[in-house]
Amino acid sequence: MGEKRFWQGIKAYTRTYWGKSVTTKDFQASMEKASGEDLSAFFARWVYLTKE
């Protein structure tokens, strides 16, 4: 994903959801949009702790 895209995703996420309730799926969607990649395998392994 790279550092630049990571910080773009964080910036977009915090601006979009400032003051709102969020889910991990919201964060994943923001990071996927910023990176242009499917991050489901990463989130499954490192966030949801499953073996995808």
PDB file of N, CA and C in Angstrom:
ATOM      1  N   MET A   1       0.815  -1.177   0.000  1.00  0.00           N
ATOM      2  CA  MET A   1       0.000   0.000   0.000  1.00  0.00           C
ATOM      3  C   MET A   1       0.867   1.253   0.000  1.00  0.00           C
ATOM      4  N   GLY A   2       1.932   1.237   0.734  1.00  0.00           N
ATOM      5  CA  GLY A   2       2.846   2.371   0.760  1.00  0.00           C
ATOM      6  C   GLY A   2       2.440   3.439   1.763  1.00  0.00           C
ATOM      7  N   GLU A   3       3.438   4.168   2.222  1.00  0.00           N
ATOM      8  CA  GLU A   3       3.197   5.175   3.255  1.00  0.00           C
ATOM      9  C   GLU A   3       2.291   6.310   2.774  1.00  0.00           C
ATOM     10  N   LYS A   4       2.505   6.774   1.560  1.00  0.00           N
ATOM     11  CA  LYS A   4       1.705   7.892   1.041  1.00  0.00           C
ATOM     12  C   LYS A   4       0.229   7.518   0.990  1.00  0.00           C
ATOM     13  N   ARG A   5      -0.088   6.374   0.435  1.00  0.00           N
ATOM     14  CA  ARG A   5      -1.482   5.946   0.343  1.00  0.00           C
ATOM     15  C   ARG A   5      -2.070   5.645   1.721  1.00  0.00           C
ATOM     16  N   PHE A   6      -1.238   5.107   2.623  1.00  0.00           N
ATOM     17  CA  PHE A   6      -1.697   4.849   3.986  1.00  0.00           C
ATOM     18  C   PHE A   6      -2.195   6.147   4.621  1.00  0.00           C
ATOM     19  N   TRP A   7      -1.377   7.202   4.562  1.00  0.00           N
ATOM     20  CA  TRP A   7      -1.755   8.467   5.190  1.00  0.00           C
ATOM     21  C   TRP A   7      -2.909   9.136   4.458  1.00  0.00           C
ATOM     22  N   GLN A   8      -3.026   8.946   3.161  1.00  0.00           N
ATOM     23  CA  GLN A   8      -4.186   9.457   2.431  1.00  0.00           C
ATOM     24  C   GLN A   8      -5.456   8.771   2.932  1.00  0.00           C
ATOM     25  N   GLY A   9      -5.365   7.471   3.170  1.00  0.00           N
ATOM     26  CA  GLY A   9      -6.505   6.720   3.680  1.00  0.00           C
ATOM     27  C   GLY A   9      -6.901   7.160   5.072  1.00  0.00           C
ATOM     28  N   ILE A  10      -5.917   7.369   5.941  1.00  0.00           N
ATOM     29  CA  ILE A  10      -6.191   7.840   7.297  1.00  0.00           C
ATOM     30  C   ILE A  10      -6.855   9.218   7.256  1.00  0.00           C
ATOM     31  N   LYS A  11      -6.340  10.083   6.420  1.00  0.00           N
ATOM     32  CA  LYS A  11      -6.886  11.441   6.295  1.00  0.00           C
ATOM     33  C   LYS A  11      -8.335  11.403   5.806  1.00  0.00           C
ATOM     34  N   ALA A  12      -8.596  10.632   4.780  1.00  0.00           N
ATOM     35  CA  ALA A  12      -9.957  10.527   4.245  1.00  0.00           C
ATOM     36  C   ALA A  12     -10.907   9.905   5.268  1.00  0.00           C
ATOM     37  N   TYR A  13     -10.429   8.893   5.951  1.00  0.00           N
ATOM     38  CA  TYR A  13     -11.244   8.211   6.962  1.00  0.00           C
ATOM     39  C   TYR A  13     -11.643   9.164   8.085  1.00  0.00           C
ATOM     40  N   THR A  14     -10.668   9.891   8.620  1.00  0.00           N
ATOM     41  CA  THR A  14     -10.978  10.780   9.741  1.00  0.00           C
ATOM     42  C   THR A  14     -11.865  11.942   9.318  1.00  0.00           C
ATOM     43  N   ARG A  15     -11.697  12.429   8.121  1.00  0.00           N
ATOM     44  CA  ARG A  15     -12.564  13.518   7.634  1.00  0.00           C
ATOM     45  C   ARG A  15     -13.987  13.028   7.378  1.00  0.00           C
ATOM     46  N   THR A  16     -14.108  11.835   6.837  1.00  0.00           N
ATOM     47  CA  THR A  16     -15.432  11.288   6.517  1.00  0.00           C
ATOM     48  C   THR A  16     -16.224  10.943   7.768  1.00  0.00           C
ATOM     49  N   TYR A  17     -15.565  10.373   8.750  1.00  0.00           N
ATOM     50  CA  TYR A  17     -16.272   9.837   9.911  1.00  0.00           C
ATOM     51  C   TYR A  17     -16.095  10.648  11.191  1.00  0.00           C
ATOM     52  N   TRP A  18     -15.551  11.852  11.091  1.00  0.00           N
ATOM     53  CA  TRP A  18     -15.339  12.680  12.277  1.00  0.00           C
ATOM     54  C   TRP A  18     -16.650  12.835  13.061  1.00  0.00           C
ATOM     55  N   GLY A  19     -16.626  12.447  14.335  1.00  0.00           N
ATOM     56  CA  GLY A  19     -17.781  12.603  15.209  1.00  0.00           C
ATOM     57  C   GLY A  19     -18.877  11.579  15.017  1.00  0.00           C
ATOM     58  N   LYS A  20     -18.636  10.555  14.215  1.00  0.00           N
ATOM     59  CA  LYS A  20     -19.638   9.537  13.931  1.00  0.00           C
ATOM     60  C   LYS A  20     -19.207   8.190  14.495  1.00  0.00           C
ATOM     61  N   SER A  21     -20.172   7.327  14.685  1.00  0.00           N
ATOM     62  CA  SER A  21     -19.866   5.945  15.054  1.00  0.00           C
ATOM     63  C   SER A  21     -19.391   5.216  13.803  1.00  0.00           C
ATOM     64  N   VAL A  22     -18.403   4.360  13.970  1.00  0.00           N
ATOM     65  CA  VAL A  22     -17.835   3.647  12.829  1.00  0.00           C
ATOM     66  C   VAL A  22     -17.663   2.171  13.146  1.00  0.00           C
ATOM     67  N   THR A  23     -17.410   1.421  12.099  1.00  0.00           N
ATOM     68  CA  THR A  23     -17.098   0.005  12.225  1.00  0.00           C
ATOM     69  C   THR A  23     -15.733  -0.239  11.587  1.00  0.00           C
ATOM     70  N   THR A  24     -15.206  -1.398  11.839  1.00  0.00           N
ATOM     71  CA  THR A  24     -13.944  -1.772  11.199  1.00  0.00           C
ATOM     72  C   THR A  24     -14.123  -1.829   9.687  1.00  0.00           C
ATOM     73  N   LYS A  25     -15.294  -2.236   9.239  1.00  0.00           N
ATOM     74  CA  LYS A  25     -15.564  -2.285   7.791  1.00  0.00           C
ATOM     75  C   LYS A  25     -15.468  -0.894   7.170  1.00  0.00           C
ATOM     76  N   ASP A  26     -15.884   0.147   7.901  1.00  0.00           N
ATOM     77  CA  ASP A  26     -15.751   1.518   7.401  1.00  0.00           C
ATOM     78  C   ASP A  26     -14.276   1.866   7.199  1.00  0.00           C
ATOM     79  N   PHE A  27     -13.450   1.501   8.178  1.00  0.00           N
ATOM     80  CA  PHE A  27     -12.017   1.757   8.075  1.00  0.00           C
ATOM     81  C   PHE A  27     -11.412   0.973   6.916  1.00  0.00           C
ATOM     82  N   GLN A  28     -11.789  -0.281   6.794  1.00  0.00           N
ATOM     83  CA  GLN A  28     -11.275  -1.112   5.705  1.00  0.00           C
ATOM     84  C   GLN A  28     -11.649  -0.507   4.357  1.00  0.00           C
ATOM     85  N   ALA A  29     -12.888  -0.083   4.214  1.00  0.00           N
ATOM     86  CA  ALA A  29     -13.339   0.503   2.940  1.00  0.00           C
ATOM     87  C   ALA A  29     -12.550   1.766   2.605  1.00  0.00           C
ATOM     88  N   SER A  30     -12.282   2.600   3.600  1.00  0.00           N
ATOM     89  CA  SER A  30     -11.493   3.816   3.367  1.00  0.00           C
ATOM     90  C   SER A  30     -10.078   3.488   2.925  1.00  0.00           C
ATOM     91  N   MET A  31      -9.481   2.500   3.572  1.00  0.00           N
ATOM     92  CA  MET A  31      -8.114   2.135   3.225  1.00  0.00           C
ATOM     93  C   MET A  31      -8.051   1.448   1.863  1.00  0.00           C
ATOM     94  N   GLU A  32      -9.039   0.668   1.528  1.00  0.00           N
ATOM     95  CA  GLU A  32      -9.075   0.036   0.210  1.00  0.00           C
ATOM     96  C   GLU A  32      -9.236   1.080  -0.886  1.00  0.00           C
ATOM     97  N   LYS A  33     -10.070   2.079  -0.643  1.00  0.00           N
ATOM     98  CA  LYS A  33     -10.266   3.136  -1.635  1.00  0.00           C
ATOM     99  C   LYS A  33      -8.963   3.908  -1.855  1.00  0.00           C
ATOM    100  N   ALA A  34      -8.277   4.227  -0.764  1.00  0.00           N
ATOM    101  CA  ALA A  34      -7.021   4.981  -0.867  1.00  0.00           C
ATOM    102  C   ALA A  34      -5.926   4.180  -1.563  1.00  0.00           C
ATOM    103  N   SER A  35      -5.884   2.883  -1.286  1.00  0.00           N
ATOM    104  CA  SER A  35      -4.811   2.060  -1.838  1.00  0.00           C
ATOM    105  C   SER A  35      -5.117   1.521  -3.226  1.00  0.00           C
ATOM    106  N   GLY A  36      -6.409   1.422  -3.548  1.00  0.00           N
ATOM    107  CA  GLY A  36      -6.793   0.809  -4.820  1.00  0.00           C
ATOM    108  C   GLY A  36      -6.617  -0.698  -4.792  1.00  0.00           C
ATOM    109  N   GLU A  37      -6.526  -1.259  -3.587  1.00  0.00           N
ATOM    110  CA  GLU A  37      -6.297  -2.696  -3.423  1.00  0.00           C
ATOM    111  C   GLU A  37      -7.392  -3.325  -2.563  1.00  0.00           C
ATOM    112  N   ASP A  38      -7.584  -4.618  -2.743  1.00  0.00           N
ATOM    113  CA  ASP A  38      -8.459  -5.399  -1.884  1.00  0.00           C
ATOM    114  C   ASP A  38      -7.655  -5.789  -0.651  1.00  0.00           C
ATOM    115  N   LEU A  39      -8.050  -5.284   0.495  1.00  0.00           N
ATOM    116  CA  LEU A  39      -7.310  -5.543   1.726  1.00  0.00           C
ATOM    117  C   LEU A  39      -8.006  -6.561   2.620  1.00  0.00           C
ATOM    118  N   SER A  40      -8.951  -7.311   2.069  1.00  0.00           N
ATOM    119  CA  SER A  40      -9.718  -8.255   2.884  1.00  0.00           C
ATOM    120  C   SER A  40      -8.837  -9.332   3.509  1.00  0.00           C
ATOM    121  N   ALA A  41      -7.840  -9.822   2.799  1.00  0.00           N
ATOM    122  CA  ALA A  41      -6.960 -10.848   3.366  1.00  0.00           C
ATOM    123  C   ALA A  41      -6.158 -10.275   4.538  1.00  0.00           C
ATOM    124  N   PHE A  42      -5.675  -9.049   4.403  1.00  0.00           N
ATOM    125  CA  PHE A  42      -4.936  -8.406   5.487  1.00  0.00           C
ATOM    126  C   PHE A  42      -5.826  -8.239   6.718  1.00  0.00           C
ATOM    127  N   PHE A  43      -7.032  -7.704   6.527  1.00  0.00           N
ATOM    128  CA  PHE A  43      -7.930  -7.491   7.664  1.00  0.00           C
ATOM    129  C   PHE A  43      -8.363  -8.815   8.282  1.00  0.00           C
ATOM    130  N   ALA A  44      -8.578  -9.816   7.469  1.00  0.00           N
ATOM    131  CA  ALA A  44      -8.958 -11.128   8.006  1.00  0.00           C
ATOM    132  C   ALA A  44      -7.865 -11.669   8.917  1.00  0.00           C
ATOM    133  N   ARG A  45      -6.642 -11.541   8.493  1.00  0.00           N
ATOM    134  CA  ARG A  45      -5.521 -12.105   9.262  1.00  0.00           C
ATOM    135  C   ARG A  45      -5.129 -11.260  10.468  1.00  0.00           C
ATOM    136  N   TRP A  46      -5.018  -9.947  10.278  1.00  0.00           N
ATOM    137  CA  TRP A  46      -4.437  -9.093  11.308  1.00  0.00           C
ATOM    138  C   TRP A  46      -5.459  -8.365  12.176  1.00  0.00           C
ATOM    139  N   VAL A  47      -6.692  -8.245  11.708  1.00  0.00           N
ATOM    140  CA  VAL A  47      -7.713  -7.558  12.503  1.00  0.00           C
ATOM    141  C   VAL A  47      -8.707  -8.561  13.067  1.00  0.00           C
ATOM    142  N   TYR A  48      -9.244  -9.408  12.184  1.00  0.00           N
ATOM    143  CA  TYR A  48     -10.257 -10.371  12.620  1.00  0.00           C
ATOM    144  C   TYR A  48      -9.639 -11.697  13.101  1.00  0.00           C
ATOM    145  N   LEU A  49      -8.326 -11.843  12.908  1.00  0.00           N
ATOM    146  CA  LEU A  49      -7.568 -13.007  13.379  1.00  0.00           C
ATOM    147  C   LEU A  49      -8.092 -14.330  12.847  1.00  0.00           C
ATOM    148  N   THR A  50      -8.428 -14.335  11.555  1.00  0.00           N
ATOM    149  CA  THR A  50      -8.834 -15.568  10.891  1.00  0.00           C
ATOM    150  C   THR A  50      -7.754 -15.963   9.897  1.00  0.00           C
ATOM    151  N   LYS A  51      -7.832 -17.171   9.397  1.00  0.00           N
ATOM    152  CA  LYS A  51      -6.836 -17.670   8.439  1.00  0.00           C
ATOM    153  C   LYS A  51      -7.417 -17.632   7.039  1.00  0.00           C
ATOM    154  N   GLU A  52      -7.497 -16.466   6.429  1.00  0.00           N
ATOM    155  CA  GLU A  52      -8.009 -16.365   5.063  1.00  0.00           C
ATOM    156  C   GLU A  52      -6.881 -16.442   4.083  1.00  0.00           C
TER     157      GLU A  52
END
